Amino acid sequence: MAATLRVSPRTLQRKLELTGKDFARVRDETLSELACDLLSNTDHSVSEISRKLGYTDPASFTMAFKRWRGMPPTAFREASRYGGKNYSLSSEQVLGLPRGDASG
């Protein structure tokens, strides 16, 4: 993840400590936001989305999604299309950084 954000692993760790978040929480938030974006803006099946996000079993993805959002992915997709809301966040928002400060 640090390489994606173009920072050293130690810089990422320091920034996470400043925000009071740990890697697992940031990972879950990031996967949740990516899943929401894919569910809202594509017609990919839940199985395809689960594979894209690194899950080998769609049931594991569905359980994680329910934990993140309180509803199954299919219900989220229907609600997001009905409500027309954009549920995606930038990496800066997920990490709690000021806009444009994803590097370090």
C-alpha atoms as a PDB file:
ATOM      1  CA  MET A   1       0.000   0.000   0.000  1.00  0.00           C
ATOM      2  CA  ALA A   2       2.846   2.386   0.765  1.00  0.00           C
ATOM      3  CA  ALA A   3       4.222   1.975  -2.758  1.00  0.00           C
ATOM      4  CA  THR A   4       0.814   2.760  -4.236  1.00  0.00           C
ATOM      5  CA  LEU A   5       0.731   5.993  -2.232  1.00  0.00           C
ATOM      6  CA  ARG A   6       4.382   6.654  -3.136  1.00  0.00           C
ATOM      7  CA  VAL A   7       5.580   6.830   0.445  1.00  0.00           C
ATOM      8  CA  SER A   8       7.919   4.684   2.492  1.00  0.00           C
ATOM      9  CA  PRO A   9       6.357   2.017   4.719  1.00  0.00           C
ATOM     10  CA  ARG A  10       7.558   3.956   7.791  1.00  0.00           C
ATOM     11  CA  THR A  11       5.956   7.199   6.551  1.00  0.00           C
ATOM     12  CA  LEU A  12       2.691   5.355   6.000  1.00  0.00           C
ATOM     13  CA  GLN A  13       2.904   3.869   9.488  1.00  0.00           C
ATOM     14  CA  ARG A  14       3.532   7.326  11.026  1.00  0.00           C
ATOM     15  CA  LYS A  15       0.614   8.866   9.112  1.00  0.00           C
ATOM     16  CA  LEU A  16      -1.669   6.035  10.204  1.00  0.00           C
ATOM     17  CA  GLU A  17      -0.588   6.525  13.817  1.00  0.00           C
ATOM     18  CA  LEU A  18      -1.397  10.247  13.540  1.00  0.00           C
ATOM     19  CA  THR A  19      -4.924   9.454  12.366  1.00  0.00           C
ATOM     20  CA  GLY A  20      -5.446   6.799  15.036  1.00  0.00           C
ATOM     21  CA  LYS A  21      -5.998   4.083  12.434  1.00  0.00           C
ATOM     22  CA  ASP A  22      -4.214   0.795  11.881  1.00  0.00           C
ATOM     23  CA  PHE A  23      -3.469  -0.992   8.635  1.00  0.00           C
ATOM     24  CA  ALA A  24      -6.316  -3.518   8.988  1.00  0.00           C
ATOM     25  CA  ARG A  25      -8.861  -0.740   9.442  1.00  0.00           C
ATOM     26  CA  VAL A  26      -7.527   1.225   6.471  1.00  0.00           C
ATOM     27  CA  ARG A  27      -7.498  -1.948   4.367  1.00  0.00           C
ATOM     28  CA  ASP A  28     -11.120  -2.695   5.264  1.00  0.00           C
ATOM     29  CA  GLU A  29     -12.188   0.892   4.591  1.00  0.00           C
ATOM     30  CA  THR A  30     -10.391   0.853   1.246  1.00  0.00           C
ATOM     31  CA  LEU A  31     -11.861  -2.492   0.193  1.00  0.00           C
ATOM     32  CA  SER A  32     -15.290  -1.292   1.285  1.00  0.00           C
ATOM     33  CA  GLU A  33     -15.019   1.883  -0.797  1.00  0.00           C
ATOM     34  CA  LEU A  34     -13.728  -0.013  -3.846  1.00  0.00           C
ATOM     35  CA  ALA A  35     -16.528  -2.559  -3.496  1.00  0.00           C
ATOM     36  CA  CYS A  36     -19.127   0.198  -3.220  1.00  0.00           C
ATOM     37  CA  ASP A  37     -17.747   1.911  -6.308  1.00  0.00           C
ATOM     38  CA  LEU A  38     -17.776  -1.332  -8.316  1.00  0.00           C
ATOM     39  CA  LEU A  39     -21.272  -2.239  -7.136  1.00  0.00           C
ATOM     40  CA  SER A  40     -22.633   1.233  -7.872  1.00  0.00           C
ATOM     41  CA  ASN A  41     -20.919   1.908 -11.180  1.00  0.00           C
ATOM     42  CA  THR A  42     -20.506  -1.443 -12.942  1.00  0.00           C
ATOM     43  CA  ASP A  43     -22.595  -4.450 -13.838  1.00  0.00           C
ATOM     44  CA  HIS A  44     -19.934  -6.905 -12.608  1.00  0.00           C
ATOM     45  CA  SER A  45     -21.333  -9.804 -10.624  1.00  0.00           C
ATOM     46  CA  VAL A  46     -20.641 -10.061  -6.913  1.00  0.00           C
ATOM     47  CA  SER A  47     -18.354 -13.007  -7.715  1.00  0.00           C
ATOM     48  CA  GLU A  48     -16.343 -10.905 -10.175  1.00  0.00           C
ATOM     49  CA  ILE A  49     -16.063  -8.037  -7.707  1.00  0.00           C
ATOM     50  CA  SER A  50     -14.983 -10.374  -4.922  1.00  0.00           C
ATOM     51  CA  ARG A  51     -12.215 -11.756  -7.161  1.00  0.00           C
ATOM     52  CA  LYS A  52     -11.093  -8.257  -8.186  1.00  0.00           C
ATOM     53  CA  LEU A  53     -10.746  -7.370  -4.510  1.00  0.00           C
ATOM     54  CA  GLY A  54      -8.681 -10.463  -3.732  1.00  0.00           C
ATOM     55  CA  TYR A  55     -11.290 -12.770  -2.229  1.00  0.00           C
ATOM     56  CA  THR A  56     -11.151 -16.408  -3.322  1.00  0.00           C
ATOM     57  CA  ASP A  57     -14.660 -17.109  -2.044  1.00  0.00           C
ATOM     58  CA  PRO A  58     -17.610 -14.802  -2.831  1.00  0.00           C
ATOM     59  CA  ALA A  59     -19.232 -15.841   0.464  1.00  0.00           C
ATOM     60  CA  SER A  60     -16.257 -14.400   2.384  1.00  0.00           C
ATOM     61  CA  PHE A  61     -16.595 -11.145   0.468  1.00  0.00           C
ATOM     62  CA  THR A  62     -20.339 -11.032   1.190  1.00  0.00           C
ATOM     63  CA  MET A  63     -19.738 -11.554   4.928  1.00  0.00           C
ATOM     64  CA  ALA A  64     -17.077  -8.823   4.967  1.00  0.00           C
ATOM     65  CA  PHE A  65     -19.331  -6.453   3.024  1.00  0.00           C
ATOM     66  CA  LYS A  66     -22.172  -7.041   5.506  1.00  0.00           C
ATOM     67  CA  ARG A  67     -19.765  -6.215   8.344  1.00  0.00           C
ATOM     68  CA  TRP A  68     -18.636  -3.015   6.578  1.00  0.00           C
ATOM     69  CA  ARG A  69     -21.994  -1.736   5.344  1.00  0.00           C
ATOM     70  CA  GLY A  70     -24.660  -3.603   7.301  1.00  0.00           C
ATOM     71  CA  MET A  71     -26.247  -5.130   4.201  1.00  0.00           C
ATOM     72  CA  PRO A  72     -25.331  -7.646   1.503  1.00  0.00           C
ATOM     73  CA  PRO A  73     -23.657  -6.399  -1.694  1.00  0.00           C
ATOM     74  CA  THR A  74     -26.757  -7.029  -3.820  1.00  0.00           C
ATOM     75  CA  ALA A  75     -28.929  -4.911  -1.513  1.00  0.00           C
ATOM     76  CA  PHE A  76     -26.298  -2.144  -1.546  1.00  0.00           C
ATOM     77  CA  ARG A  77     -26.246  -2.201  -5.344  1.00  0.00           C
ATOM     78  CA  GLU A  78     -30.010  -1.842  -5.527  1.00  0.00           C
ATOM     79  CA  ALA A  79     -30.050   0.945  -2.934  1.00  0.00           C
ATOM     80  CA  SER A  80     -27.210   2.871  -4.598  1.00  0.00           C
ATOM     81  CA  ARG A  81     -28.862   2.704  -7.997  1.00  0.00           C
ATOM     82  CA  TYR A  82     -32.231   3.667  -6.596  1.00  0.00           C
ATOM     83  CA  GLY A  83     -30.836   6.541  -4.523  1.00  0.00           C
ATOM     84  CA  GLY A  84     -28.296   7.676  -7.132  1.00  0.00           C
ATOM     85  CA  LYS A  85     -25.675   8.430  -4.472  1.00  0.00           C
ATOM     86  CA  ASN A  86     -21.924   8.289  -5.012  1.00  0.00           C
ATOM     87  CA  TYR A  87     -20.388   6.178  -2.236  1.00  0.00           C
ATOM     88  CA  SER A  88     -16.721   6.362  -3.217  1.00  0.00           C
ATOM     89  CA  LEU A  89     -13.947   8.193  -1.355  1.00  0.00           C
ATOM     90  CA  SER A  90     -10.483   9.221  -2.467  1.00  0.00           C
ATOM     91  CA  SER A  91      -7.423   7.566  -0.927  1.00  0.00           C
ATOM     92  CA  GLU A  92      -6.793  10.841   0.937  1.00  0.00           C
ATOM     93  CA  GLN A  93     -10.264  10.680   2.501  1.00  0.00           C
ATOM     94  CA  VAL A  94      -9.813   7.024   3.481  1.00  0.00           C
ATOM     95  CA  LEU A  95      -6.467   7.828   5.149  1.00  0.00           C
ATOM     96  CA  GLY A  96      -7.769  11.039   6.705  1.00  0.00           C
ATOM     97  CA  LEU A  97      -5.192  13.193   4.917  1.00  0.00           C
ATOM     98  CA  PRO A  98      -5.745  16.698   3.549  1.00  0.00           C
ATOM     99  CA  ARG A  99      -6.551  16.685  -0.192  1.00  0.00           C
ATOM    100  CA  GLY A 100      -3.452  16.374  -2.363  1.00  0.00           C
ATOM    101  CA  ASP A 101      -1.257  15.173   0.530  1.00  0.00           C
ATOM    102  CA  ALA A 102      -1.181  11.419  -0.198  1.00  0.00           C
ATOM    103  CA  SER A 103       2.630  11.505  -0.363  1.00  0.00           C
ATOM    104  CA  GLY A 104       4.893  12.121   2.361  1.00  0.00           C
END
